[in-house]
N, C-alpha and C. Protein backbone atom coordinates (compact mmCIF):
# COMPACT_ATOMS: atom_id res chain seq x y z
N UNK A 1 19.04 -45.48 37.62
CA UNK A 1 18.70 -44.61 38.30
C UNK A 1 17.84 -43.37 37.60
N UNK A 2 16.86 -43.02 38.49
CA UNK A 2 15.68 -41.88 37.86
C UNK A 2 16.35 -40.57 37.70
N UNK A 3 15.32 -40.07 36.57
CA UNK A 3 16.00 -39.37 36.21
C UNK A 3 15.39 -37.91 36.70
N UNK A 4 16.23 -37.20 37.17
CA UNK A 4 15.35 -35.56 37.49
C UNK A 4 14.36 -34.90 36.60
N UNK A 5 13.07 -34.77 37.21
CA UNK A 5 12.35 -33.96 36.37
C UNK A 5 12.47 -32.90 35.66
N UNK A 6 12.23 -32.09 35.04
CA UNK A 6 12.56 -30.85 34.28
C UNK A 6 11.20 -30.14 35.12
N UNK A 7 12.01 -28.86 35.41
CA UNK A 7 11.22 -27.59 36.39
C UNK A 7 11.02 -26.40 35.10
N UNK A 8 10.91 -27.01 34.00
CA UNK A 8 10.79 -25.88 32.93
C UNK A 8 9.17 -26.08 32.34
N UNK A 9 8.71 -24.83 32.34
CA UNK A 9 7.14 -25.14 31.70
C UNK A 9 6.88 -25.70 30.67
N UNK A 10 5.95 -26.47 30.25
CA UNK A 10 5.57 -27.33 29.38
C UNK A 10 5.25 -25.67 27.91
N UNK A 11 5.58 -26.14 27.10
CA UNK A 11 5.42 -25.66 26.22
C UNK A 11 4.07 -24.62 25.80
N UNK A 12 4.28 -23.61 25.37
CA UNK A 12 2.70 -22.76 25.67
C UNK A 12 2.10 -22.86 23.99
N UNK A 13 0.98 -23.37 23.79
CA UNK A 13 0.75 -23.26 22.06
C UNK A 13 0.90 -21.63 21.37
N UNK A 14 1.34 -21.78 20.46
CA UNK A 14 1.97 -20.75 19.90
C UNK A 14 0.95 -19.88 18.99
N UNK A 15 0.88 -18.21 19.25
CA UNK A 15 -0.22 -17.62 19.52
C UNK A 15 -0.27 -17.66 17.83
N UNK A 16 -1.23 -17.81 17.08
CA UNK A 16 -1.75 -17.69 15.59
C UNK A 16 -1.93 -16.01 15.83
N UNK A 17 -1.08 -15.49 14.16
CA UNK A 17 -1.06 -14.44 13.77
C UNK A 17 -1.74 -14.22 12.71
N UNK A 18 -2.96 -13.68 12.40
CA UNK A 18 -4.38 -13.82 11.59
C UNK A 18 -4.48 -12.23 11.16
N UNK A 19 -4.19 -12.17 9.92
CA UNK A 19 -4.15 -10.71 9.24
C UNK A 19 -5.37 -11.01 8.34
N UNK A 20 -5.97 -9.64 8.57
CA UNK A 20 -7.10 -9.34 7.66
C UNK A 20 -6.31 -8.41 6.34
N UNK A 21 -7.07 -8.62 5.53
CA UNK A 21 -6.60 -7.71 3.87
C UNK A 21 -8.18 -6.82 3.47
N UNK A 22 -8.23 -5.83 4.34
CA UNK A 22 -9.70 -5.61 3.86
C UNK A 22 -9.72 -4.26 2.39
N UNK A 23 -10.99 -4.27 1.90
CA UNK A 23 -10.91 -3.86 0.77
C UNK A 23 -12.17 -4.00 0.27
N UNK A 24 -12.66 -3.41 -1.56
CA UNK A 24 -13.44 -3.31 -1.87
C UNK A 24 -12.99 -3.94 -3.53
N UNK A 25 -12.21 -4.41 -3.42
CA UNK A 25 -11.40 -5.17 -4.35
C UNK A 25 -12.38 -5.17 -6.00
N UNK A 26 -13.04 -3.65 -6.36
CA UNK A 26 -13.93 -3.43 -7.20
C UNK A 26 -13.42 -3.27 -8.51
N UNK A 27 -12.22 -3.84 -9.47
CA UNK A 27 -11.95 -5.16 -9.22
C UNK A 27 -10.60 -5.23 -8.33
N UNK A 28 -9.92 -6.80 -8.18
CA UNK A 28 -8.95 -7.23 -8.04
C UNK A 28 -7.87 -6.51 -8.45
N UNK A 29 -6.83 -6.31 -8.18
CA UNK A 29 -5.70 -5.82 -8.98
C UNK A 29 -4.33 -6.92 -8.82
N UNK A 30 -3.44 -6.93 -9.52
CA UNK A 30 -2.15 -7.01 -9.53
C UNK A 30 -1.56 -7.06 -8.10
N UNK A 31 -1.79 -5.68 -7.77
CA UNK A 31 -1.42 -4.50 -6.52
C UNK A 31 -1.95 -5.89 -5.38
N UNK A 32 -2.98 -5.70 -5.38
CA UNK A 32 -3.76 -6.42 -4.38
C UNK A 32 -2.85 -7.50 -4.09
N UNK A 33 -3.16 -8.49 -5.15
CA UNK A 33 -2.29 -9.59 -5.13
C UNK A 33 -0.99 -9.50 -4.57
N UNK A 34 -0.10 -8.65 -4.58
CA UNK A 34 0.88 -8.41 -4.34
C UNK A 34 1.14 -8.11 -2.88
N UNK A 35 0.18 -7.31 -2.39
CA UNK A 35 0.23 -7.23 -0.79
C UNK A 35 0.05 -8.49 -0.14
N UNK A 36 -1.14 -9.15 -0.70
CA UNK A 36 -1.81 -10.65 -0.44
C UNK A 36 -0.31 -11.41 0.08
N UNK A 37 0.40 -11.63 -1.27
CA UNK A 37 1.57 -12.07 -1.45
C UNK A 37 2.60 -12.44 -0.46
N UNK A 38 2.33 -10.70 0.15
CA UNK A 38 3.93 -10.70 1.01
C UNK A 38 3.39 -10.50 2.42
N UNK A 39 1.62 -10.25 2.70
CA UNK A 39 1.28 -11.22 3.87
C UNK A 39 1.44 -12.49 4.37
N UNK A 40 1.41 -13.29 3.40
CA UNK A 40 1.62 -14.97 2.96
C UNK A 40 2.93 -15.09 4.31
N UNK A 41 3.88 -14.31 3.42
CA UNK A 41 5.24 -14.75 4.38
C UNK A 41 5.75 -13.60 5.43
N UNK A 42 4.76 -13.26 6.02
CA UNK A 42 4.94 -12.32 7.23
C UNK A 42 3.90 -13.00 8.68
N UNK A 43 2.55 -13.60 8.16
CA UNK A 43 1.58 -14.15 9.23
C UNK A 43 1.43 -15.38 9.26
N UNK A 44 0.56 -15.88 10.40
CA UNK A 44 0.02 -17.40 9.93
C UNK A 44 -1.15 -17.67 8.86
N UNK A 45 -1.62 -16.53 8.58
CA UNK A 45 -2.98 -16.73 8.07
C UNK A 45 -3.24 -15.41 7.76
N UNK A 46 -3.85 -15.11 6.27
CA UNK A 46 -4.25 -14.16 5.59
C UNK A 46 -5.83 -14.50 5.21
N UNK A 47 -6.50 -13.35 5.76
CA UNK A 47 -8.05 -13.44 5.23
C UNK A 47 -8.59 -12.43 4.58
N UNK A 48 -8.95 -12.20 3.33
CA UNK A 48 -8.95 -11.06 1.93
C UNK A 48 -10.43 -11.07 2.49
N UNK A 49 -10.45 -9.90 2.61
CA UNK A 49 -11.90 -9.35 3.88
C UNK A 49 -12.69 -8.61 2.31
N UNK A 50 -13.50 -8.45 2.04
CA UNK A 50 -14.59 -7.84 0.80
C UNK A 50 -15.91 -7.03 1.54
N UNK A 51 -15.67 -5.67 1.28
CA UNK A 51 -16.44 -5.00 2.39
C UNK A 51 -17.43 -4.49 1.07
N UNK A 52 -18.56 -4.55 1.85
CA UNK A 52 -19.78 -3.93 1.27
C UNK A 52 -19.81 -2.16 1.78
N UNK A 53 -20.15 -1.72 0.50
CA UNK A 53 -20.46 -0.47 0.72
C UNK A 53 -21.74 0.29 0.23
N UNK A 54 -22.35 0.40 1.31
CA UNK A 54 -23.97 0.83 0.15
C UNK A 54 -23.85 2.29 -0.57
N UNK A 55 -23.01 3.04 0.26
CA UNK A 55 -22.53 4.37 -0.54
C UNK A 55 -22.05 4.41 -1.78
N UNK A 56 -21.37 2.89 -2.41
CA UNK A 56 -21.41 3.25 -3.76
C UNK A 56 -21.80 2.59 -4.40
N UNK A 57 -21.75 2.44 -6.15
CA UNK A 57 -22.37 1.75 -6.98
C UNK A 57 -21.21 0.56 -7.12
N UNK A 58 -20.99 -0.50 -7.18
CA UNK A 58 -20.13 -1.66 -7.60
C UNK A 58 -19.78 -1.74 -8.75
N UNK A 59 -18.93 -2.15 -9.60
CA UNK A 59 -19.34 -2.86 -10.86
C UNK A 59 -19.10 -4.73 -11.09
N UNK A 60 -18.80 -4.75 -9.81
CA UNK A 60 -18.81 -6.41 -9.62
C UNK A 60 -19.71 -6.50 -8.10
N UNK A 61 -20.58 -7.46 -7.93
CA UNK A 61 -21.41 -7.85 -6.94
C UNK A 61 -20.14 -8.39 -6.16
N UNK A 62 -20.40 -8.72 -4.70
CA UNK A 62 -19.80 -8.78 -3.88
C UNK A 62 -19.43 -10.35 -3.85
N UNK A 63 -20.87 -10.89 -4.45
CA UNK A 63 -20.45 -12.42 -4.56
C UNK A 63 -19.50 -12.64 -5.77
N UNK A 64 -19.55 -11.67 -6.88
CA UNK A 64 -18.71 -11.93 -8.37
C UNK A 64 -17.14 -11.74 -7.55
N UNK A 65 -17.13 -10.87 -6.89
CA UNK A 65 -15.66 -10.66 -6.21
C UNK A 65 -15.41 -11.58 -5.31
N UNK A 66 -15.92 -11.85 -4.54
CA UNK A 66 -15.51 -12.87 -3.32
C UNK A 66 -15.40 -14.43 -4.68
N UNK A 67 -15.64 -14.44 -5.32
CA UNK A 67 -15.55 -15.53 -6.69
C UNK A 67 -14.29 -15.56 -7.22
N UNK A 68 -14.18 -14.44 -7.69
CA UNK A 68 -12.46 -14.09 -8.40
C UNK A 68 -11.98 -14.23 -7.48
N UNK A 69 -11.71 -13.55 -6.33
CA UNK A 69 -10.52 -13.36 -5.38
C UNK A 69 -10.19 -15.07 -4.65
N UNK A 70 -11.33 -15.94 -4.67
CA UNK A 70 -10.97 -16.91 -4.37
C UNK A 70 -10.31 -18.11 -5.15
N UNK A 71 -10.77 -18.06 -6.38
CA UNK A 71 -10.00 -18.58 -7.19
C UNK A 71 -8.30 -18.64 -7.45
N UNK A 72 -8.27 -16.48 -7.36
CA UNK A 72 -6.85 -16.33 -7.62
C UNK A 72 -6.29 -16.73 -6.57
N UNK A 73 -6.55 -16.98 -5.06
CA UNK A 73 -6.20 -17.35 -3.72
C UNK A 73 -5.70 -18.46 -3.83
N UNK A 74 -6.83 -19.33 -4.67
CA UNK A 74 -6.52 -20.91 -4.90
C UNK A 74 -5.27 -21.39 -5.78
N UNK A 75 -4.82 -20.23 -6.27
CA UNK A 75 -3.40 -20.28 -7.28
C UNK A 75 -2.69 -19.58 -6.76
N UNK A 76 -2.77 -18.77 -6.10
CA UNK A 76 -1.63 -18.61 -4.96
C UNK A 76 -0.65 -19.58 -4.10
N UNK A 77 -1.94 -20.56 -3.19
CA UNK A 77 -1.32 -21.35 -2.46
C UNK A 77 -0.49 -22.32 -3.52
N UNK A 78 -1.42 -22.39 -4.50
CA UNK A 78 -0.45 -23.88 -5.68
C UNK A 78 0.68 -23.44 -6.02
N UNK A 79 0.62 -22.33 -6.07
CA UNK A 79 2.07 -21.76 -6.08
C UNK A 79 3.02 -21.38 -5.30
N UNK A 80 2.50 -20.90 -4.99
CA UNK A 80 3.62 -21.15 -3.17
C UNK A 80 3.10 -21.64 -2.11
N UNK A 81 2.66 -23.00 -1.59
CA UNK A 81 2.46 -23.85 -0.66
C UNK A 81 3.16 -23.92 0.62
N UNK A 82 4.32 -23.28 0.93
CA UNK A 82 4.37 -23.16 1.86
C UNK A 82 4.09 -21.76 3.22
N UNK A 83 3.75 -20.78 2.10
CA UNK A 83 3.80 -19.50 2.73
C UNK A 83 2.27 -19.54 3.86
N UNK A 84 1.74 -18.78 4.47
CA UNK A 84 0.33 -19.11 5.25
C UNK A 84 -0.52 -19.14 3.88
N UNK A 85 -1.52 -19.80 4.72
CA UNK A 85 -3.19 -20.01 3.69
C UNK A 85 -3.90 -18.55 3.56
N UNK A 86 -4.60 -18.68 2.69
CA UNK A 86 -5.51 -17.68 2.30
C UNK A 86 -6.65 -17.47 2.46
N UNK A 87 -7.65 -17.20 2.63
CA UNK A 87 -9.16 -17.42 2.73
C UNK A 87 -9.88 -16.26 2.23
N UNK A 88 -10.98 -16.17 1.82
CA UNK A 88 -11.64 -14.77 1.06
C UNK A 88 -13.30 -14.77 1.66
N UNK A 89 -13.25 -13.83 2.49
CA UNK A 89 -14.89 -13.52 3.04
C UNK A 89 -15.53 -11.98 2.78
N UNK A 90 -16.87 -12.01 2.83
CA UNK A 90 -17.37 -10.90 2.64
C UNK A 90 -17.70 -10.24 3.98
N UNK A 91 -18.12 -9.08 4.43
CA UNK A 91 -18.55 -8.52 5.58
C UNK A 91 -19.12 -7.25 5.25
N UNK A 92 -20.14 -7.40 6.53
CA UNK A 92 -21.10 -6.23 5.98
C UNK A 92 -20.40 -5.13 7.69
N UNK A 93 -20.90 -3.71 7.39
CA UNK A 93 -20.11 -2.69 8.97
C UNK A 93 -19.16 -2.47 8.94
N UNK A 94 -18.89 -2.46 10.11
CA UNK A 94 -17.10 -2.05 10.06
C UNK A 94 -16.09 -2.65 10.14
N UNK A 95 -14.97 -2.30 9.87
CA UNK A 95 -13.58 -3.53 9.86
C UNK A 95 -13.42 -3.91 10.93
N UNK A 96 -12.93 -3.33 11.91
CA UNK A 96 -13.11 -3.65 13.10
C UNK A 96 -13.50 -4.68 13.87
N UNK A 97 -15.10 -4.39 13.53
CA UNK A 97 -16.04 -5.52 14.08
C UNK A 97 -15.49 -6.68 13.74
N UNK A 98 -15.61 -6.77 12.27
CA UNK A 98 -15.09 -8.03 11.47
C UNK A 98 -14.10 -8.57 12.08
N UNK A 99 -13.19 -7.57 12.29
CA UNK A 99 -11.58 -8.44 12.16
C UNK A 99 -11.78 -9.10 13.91
N UNK A 100 -12.77 -8.51 14.59
CA UNK A 100 -12.80 -9.51 16.33
C UNK A 100 -13.38 -10.80 15.69
N UNK A 101 -14.25 -10.40 15.33
CA UNK A 101 -14.89 -11.64 14.79
C UNK A 101 -14.03 -12.49 13.63
N UNK A 102 -13.51 -12.38 13.43
CA UNK A 102 -12.28 -13.35 12.36
C UNK A 102 -11.36 -13.56 13.38
N UNK A 103 -11.13 -13.20 14.67
CA UNK A 103 -9.85 -13.23 15.57
C UNK A 103 -8.61 -12.75 14.37
N UNK A 104 -8.68 -11.62 13.75
CA UNK A 104 -7.32 -11.16 13.99
C UNK A 104 -7.18 -10.58 15.00
N UNK A 105 -5.15 -10.83 14.18
CA UNK A 105 -4.09 -9.86 15.20
C UNK A 105 -3.60 -8.47 14.45
N UNK A 106 -4.02 -8.31 13.40
CA UNK A 106 -3.63 -7.23 12.33
C UNK A 106 -4.67 -7.02 11.36
N UNK A 107 -4.20 -5.77 10.96
CA UNK A 107 -4.98 -5.12 9.66
C UNK A 107 -3.93 -4.86 8.65
N UNK A 108 -4.30 -5.95 7.53
CA UNK A 108 -2.73 -5.98 6.65
C UNK A 108 -3.54 -4.66 5.62
N UNK A 109 -2.47 -3.74 5.20
CA UNK A 109 -2.59 -2.56 4.52
C UNK A 109 -1.89 -2.41 3.37
N UNK A 110 -1.88 -1.98 1.98
CA UNK A 110 -0.70 -2.32 1.15
C UNK A 110 -0.31 -0.12 0.97
N UNK A 111 0.98 -0.19 0.79
CA UNK A 111 0.83 1.38 0.80
C UNK A 111 1.99 1.78 -0.87
N UNK A 112 1.22 2.40 -1.68
CA UNK A 112 1.25 2.88 -3.30
C UNK A 112 2.38 3.85 -3.00
N UNK A 113 2.03 4.88 -2.16
CA UNK A 113 2.64 5.67 -2.13
C UNK A 113 2.46 6.70 -0.67
N UNK A 114 2.93 8.11 -1.20
CA UNK A 114 3.14 9.13 0.00
C UNK A 114 1.88 9.32 0.92
N UNK A 115 0.61 9.98 -0.21
CA UNK A 115 -0.73 10.01 0.03
C UNK A 115 -1.43 9.08 0.61
N UNK A 116 -0.98 7.39 0.07
CA UNK A 116 -1.56 6.37 0.86
C UNK A 116 -1.26 6.53 2.12
N UNK A 117 0.01 6.62 2.28
CA UNK A 117 0.69 6.48 3.41
C UNK A 117 0.04 7.35 4.46
N UNK A 118 -0.29 8.89 4.18
CA UNK A 118 -0.64 9.86 5.09
C UNK A 118 -1.91 9.50 5.43
N UNK A 119 -2.74 8.92 4.49
CA UNK A 119 -4.40 8.63 5.51
C UNK A 119 -4.08 7.30 5.59
N UNK A 120 -3.71 5.87 5.49
CA UNK A 120 -3.51 5.41 5.89
C UNK A 120 -3.44 5.03 7.41
N UNK A 121 -2.09 5.77 7.53
CA UNK A 121 -1.48 5.91 9.20
C UNK A 121 -2.84 6.71 10.11
N UNK A 122 -3.61 7.74 9.17
CA UNK A 122 -4.51 8.49 10.01
C UNK A 122 -5.54 7.30 11.23
N UNK A 123 -6.44 6.75 10.12
CA UNK A 123 -7.00 5.47 10.25
C UNK A 123 -6.19 4.11 10.80
N UNK A 124 -5.03 4.16 10.41
CA UNK A 124 -4.53 3.30 11.56
C UNK A 124 -4.35 3.52 13.29
N UNK A 125 -4.24 4.90 13.25
CA UNK A 125 -4.05 5.28 14.89
C UNK A 125 -5.60 4.92 15.57
N UNK A 126 -6.63 5.52 14.39
CA UNK A 126 -7.43 5.52 15.08
C UNK A 126 -8.15 4.18 15.38
N UNK A 127 -7.73 3.28 14.50
CA UNK A 127 -8.17 1.52 14.80
C UNK A 127 -7.41 0.89 16.04
N UNK A 128 -6.34 1.38 16.37
CA UNK A 128 -5.60 1.60 17.48
C UNK A 128 -6.20 1.71 18.50
N UNK A 129 -6.98 3.00 18.75
CA UNK A 129 -7.30 3.50 19.62
C UNK A 129 -8.68 2.93 20.15
N UNK A 130 -9.74 2.84 19.05
CA UNK A 130 -10.41 2.47 19.38
C UNK A 130 -11.24 1.10 19.24
N UNK A 131 -10.03 0.18 18.75
CA UNK A 131 -10.40 -0.99 18.59
C UNK A 131 -9.24 -2.24 19.44
N UNK A 132 -8.37 -0.99 19.34
CA UNK A 132 -6.99 -2.00 20.09
C UNK A 132 -6.65 -3.08 18.96
N UNK A 133 -6.49 -2.81 17.86
CA UNK A 133 -6.30 -3.67 16.63
C UNK A 133 -4.68 -2.74 15.95
N UNK A 134 -3.86 -3.55 15.86
CA UNK A 134 -2.46 -2.83 15.12
C UNK A 134 -2.68 -3.25 13.66
N UNK A 135 -2.29 -2.16 12.88
CA UNK A 135 -1.86 -2.28 11.44
C UNK A 135 -0.71 -2.51 10.72
N UNK A 136 -0.33 -3.38 9.49
CA UNK A 136 1.04 -3.70 9.22
C UNK A 136 0.51 -3.32 7.85
N UNK A 137 1.87 -2.02 7.54
CA UNK A 137 1.92 -1.57 6.13
C UNK A 137 3.13 -2.85 5.37
N UNK A 138 2.76 -2.83 4.38
CA UNK A 138 3.89 -3.22 3.60
C UNK A 138 3.37 -2.61 1.81
N UNK A 139 4.91 -2.29 0.99
CA UNK A 139 4.95 -1.43 0.34
C UNK A 139 5.12 -2.26 -1.03
N UNK A 140 4.05 -1.87 -1.50
CA UNK A 140 3.70 -2.38 -3.12
C UNK A 140 4.65 -2.18 -3.87
N UNK A 141 5.11 -3.88 -4.36
CA UNK A 141 6.27 -3.59 -5.86
C UNK A 141 5.96 -2.34 -6.39
N UNK A 142 6.68 -1.74 -6.78
CA UNK A 142 7.33 -0.06 -7.99
C UNK A 142 6.19 -0.64 -9.17
N UNK A 143 6.10 -1.24 -9.65
CA UNK A 143 5.38 -2.00 -11.06
C UNK A 143 3.92 -1.77 -10.38
N UNK A 144 3.25 -1.49 -9.20
CA UNK A 144 2.19 -1.29 -8.73
C UNK A 144 1.54 -0.33 -8.12
N UNK A 145 2.66 0.70 -8.27
CA UNK A 145 2.56 2.16 -7.75
C UNK A 145 1.56 3.12 -8.16
N UNK A 146 1.11 2.92 -9.24
CA UNK A 146 -0.07 4.01 -9.51
C UNK A 146 -1.60 2.73 -10.25
N UNK A 147 -1.20 1.62 -9.93
CA UNK A 147 -3.06 0.87 -10.35
C UNK A 147 -3.60 0.92 -9.41
N UNK A 148 -4.89 0.98 -9.47
CA UNK A 148 -6.24 1.38 -8.69
C UNK A 148 -7.09 0.50 -9.63
N UNK A 149 -8.25 0.05 -8.11
CA UNK A 149 -9.53 -0.16 -8.85
C UNK A 149 -10.39 0.44 -9.46
N UNK A 150 -10.26 2.17 -9.09
CA UNK A 150 -10.63 3.24 -10.04
C UNK A 150 -10.38 3.42 -11.60
N UNK A 151 -8.88 3.01 -11.46
CA UNK A 151 -8.28 3.34 -12.75
C UNK A 151 -8.92 2.31 -13.80
N UNK A 152 -8.56 1.18 -13.47
CA UNK A 152 -9.21 -0.15 -13.99
C UNK A 152 -10.85 0.04 -14.53
N UNK A 153 -11.58 0.59 -13.86
CA UNK A 153 -12.75 0.50 -14.28
C UNK A 153 -12.89 1.98 -15.23
N UNK A 154 -12.23 3.03 -14.96
CA UNK A 154 -12.29 3.79 -15.96
C UNK A 154 -11.71 3.66 -17.12
N UNK A 155 -10.43 2.78 -17.15
CA UNK A 155 -10.16 2.35 -18.32
C UNK A 155 -11.06 1.12 -19.17
N UNK A 156 -11.05 0.66 -18.26
CA UNK A 156 -12.36 -0.66 -18.86
C UNK A 156 -13.96 0.69 -19.73
N UNK A 157 -14.26 1.48 -18.75
CA UNK A 157 -15.39 2.28 -19.68
C UNK A 157 -14.99 2.97 -21.03
N UNK A 158 -13.70 3.81 -20.88
CA UNK A 158 -13.32 4.04 -21.97
C UNK A 158 -12.51 3.21 -23.18
N UNK A 159 -12.03 2.44 -22.76
CA UNK A 159 -11.24 1.44 -23.76
C UNK A 159 -12.11 0.48 -24.70
N UNK A 160 -11.89 0.55 -25.94
CA UNK A 160 -12.48 -0.82 -26.58
C UNK A 160 -11.76 -1.74 -26.36
N UNK A 161 -10.10 -1.92 -26.55
CA UNK A 161 -9.80 -3.35 -26.30
C UNK A 161 -9.27 -3.20 -24.86
N UNK A 162 -9.44 -4.38 -24.17
CA UNK A 162 -9.34 -4.63 -22.90
C UNK A 162 -7.66 -5.49 -22.79
N UNK A 163 -7.52 -5.78 -23.73
CA UNK A 163 -6.62 -6.95 -23.39
C UNK A 163 -5.61 -5.95 -23.09
N UNK A 164 -5.18 -4.73 -23.09
CA UNK A 164 -3.39 -4.13 -22.20
C UNK A 164 -3.99 -3.97 -20.82
N UNK A 165 -5.45 -4.19 -20.19
CA UNK A 165 -4.73 -4.45 -19.42
C UNK A 165 -4.18 -5.62 -18.01
N UNK A 166 -3.64 -6.35 -19.00
CA UNK A 166 -3.51 -7.89 -18.91
C UNK A 166 -2.21 -7.24 -18.03
N UNK A 167 -2.07 -6.63 -17.78
CA UNK A 167 -0.18 -5.87 -17.32
C UNK A 167 -0.84 -5.48 -15.17
N UNK A 168 -1.94 -5.33 -15.26
CA UNK A 168 -2.45 -4.60 -14.07
C UNK A 168 -3.48 -5.47 -13.74
N UNK A 169 -4.21 -6.50 -14.28
CA UNK A 169 -5.47 -7.57 -13.66
C UNK A 169 -4.98 -8.41 -14.43
N UNK A 170 -5.50 -9.42 -13.51
CA UNK A 170 -5.13 -10.95 -13.77
C UNK A 170 -5.98 -11.04 -15.04
N UNK A 171 -5.90 -12.49 -15.81
CA UNK A 171 -6.54 -12.96 -17.01
C UNK A 171 -8.00 -12.83 -16.90
N UNK A 172 -8.53 -13.53 -15.58
CA UNK A 172 -9.57 -13.76 -15.21
C UNK A 172 -10.88 -12.38 -15.14
N UNK A 173 -9.72 -11.40 -14.38
CA UNK A 173 -10.37 -10.12 -14.00
C UNK A 173 -10.65 -9.35 -15.97
N UNK A 174 -10.09 -10.04 -16.51
CA UNK A 174 -10.42 -9.18 -17.97
C UNK A 174 -11.49 -9.35 -18.35
N UNK A 175 -11.54 -10.66 -18.64
CA UNK A 175 -12.27 -11.81 -18.85
C UNK A 175 -13.63 -11.03 -18.64
N UNK A 176 -13.71 -10.88 -17.28
CA UNK A 176 -15.24 -10.68 -16.48
C UNK A 176 -15.55 -9.24 -16.75
N UNK A 177 -13.73 -7.75 -16.64
CA UNK A 177 -14.73 -7.13 -17.31
C UNK A 177 -14.92 -6.80 -18.99
N UNK A 178 -15.06 -7.79 -19.56
CA UNK A 178 -15.02 -7.70 -21.06
C UNK A 178 -16.74 -8.24 -21.11
N UNK A 179 -17.10 -9.23 -19.94
CA UNK A 179 -18.66 -9.51 -19.86
C UNK A 179 -19.18 -8.33 -19.70
N UNK A 180 -18.92 -7.33 -18.47
CA UNK A 180 -19.73 -6.28 -18.25
C UNK A 180 -19.43 -5.36 -19.06
N UNK A 181 -18.38 -4.99 -19.85
CA UNK A 181 -18.74 -4.30 -20.91
C UNK A 181 -20.00 -4.41 -21.84
N UNK A 182 -19.77 -5.82 -22.26
CA UNK A 182 -20.24 -6.60 -23.52
C UNK A 182 -22.56 -6.34 -22.52
N UNK A 183 -22.29 -6.39 -21.50
CA UNK A 183 -23.82 -5.95 -20.94
C UNK A 183 -23.74 -4.73 -20.63
N UNK A 184 -22.76 -3.63 -21.23
CA UNK A 184 -23.17 -1.93 -21.23
C UNK A 184 -23.63 -2.02 -19.73
N UNK A 185 -22.90 -2.21 -18.79
CA UNK A 185 -22.84 -2.20 -17.31
C UNK A 185 -23.40 -0.71 -16.92
N UNK A 186 -24.22 -0.13 -16.19
CA UNK A 186 -24.69 1.14 -15.33
C UNK A 186 -23.37 1.97 -15.52
N UNK A 187 -22.31 1.71 -14.32
CA UNK A 187 -21.54 1.88 -14.16
C UNK A 187 -20.46 2.54 -15.19
N UNK A 188 -19.96 1.26 -15.86
CA UNK A 188 -19.18 1.53 -16.99
C UNK A 188 -19.59 2.84 -18.05
N UNK A 189 -21.05 2.89 -18.35
CA UNK A 189 -21.81 3.50 -19.09
C UNK A 189 -21.74 5.04 -18.39
N UNK A 190 -21.90 5.27 -17.44
CA UNK A 190 -21.90 6.92 -16.38
C UNK A 190 -20.32 7.13 -16.84
N UNK A 191 -19.19 6.15 -16.42
CA UNK A 191 -17.89 6.64 -16.64
C UNK A 191 -17.90 7.16 -18.05
N UNK A 192 -18.21 6.00 -18.80
CA UNK A 192 -17.81 6.56 -20.77
C UNK A 192 -18.99 8.07 -21.07
N UNK A 193 -20.08 8.31 -20.29
CA UNK A 193 -20.30 9.50 -20.60
C UNK A 193 -19.86 10.86 -19.72
N UNK A 194 -19.29 10.56 -18.58
CA UNK A 194 -18.69 11.21 -18.29
C UNK A 194 -16.95 11.85 -18.86
N UNK A 195 -16.70 11.01 -19.19
CA UNK A 195 -15.59 11.31 -20.02
C UNK A 195 -15.42 12.55 -21.15
N UNK A 196 -16.63 12.18 -22.04
CA UNK A 196 -17.47 12.73 -22.95
C UNK A 196 -17.73 13.76 -22.80
N UNK A 197 -18.40 14.24 -21.70
CA UNK A 197 -18.59 16.00 -21.56
C UNK A 197 -17.76 16.66 -20.85
N UNK A 198 -16.38 15.88 -20.51
CA UNK A 198 -15.20 16.44 -19.77
C UNK A 198 -14.59 17.60 -21.08
């Protein structure tokens, strides 16, 4: 006996939910990596987007930041292979333009405290209005609430022993900071002079 043909439509290809996590990551901290780890459990793919800000003097070049992040992302994938893949890319210009080019469906942002939330919500509303791009907020772990790249740069500029930074940044970043300090990087030197004059 012939089987009746099904009238159900063929299953559509599932939509890939691609999140981009934009930032300067100068340098990357455990707080940044915590946001990426949480995003990997929420989306199908996460892109860490390293932006170029011509208005700021960086401590690490874009190439150095991408290299550090790529190594750390590969380590994350090895430790948690069932979570979403993560890649690292650099970009120029507006974040929303990069998001379109990358096929992103959402911006991933970490929230450390209420002041973060206030500024991020305003930016999220703008991105939704002008680019139809949604923003997903994840609350960073409590131990990262007061960690920022600017704080790490200040501590690196003022401290003689950078080993205590290992609680806030990966070992690879500590070693990279030590090299910048040995090179007497202009940004670290300026931060140190500024502290002396206060």
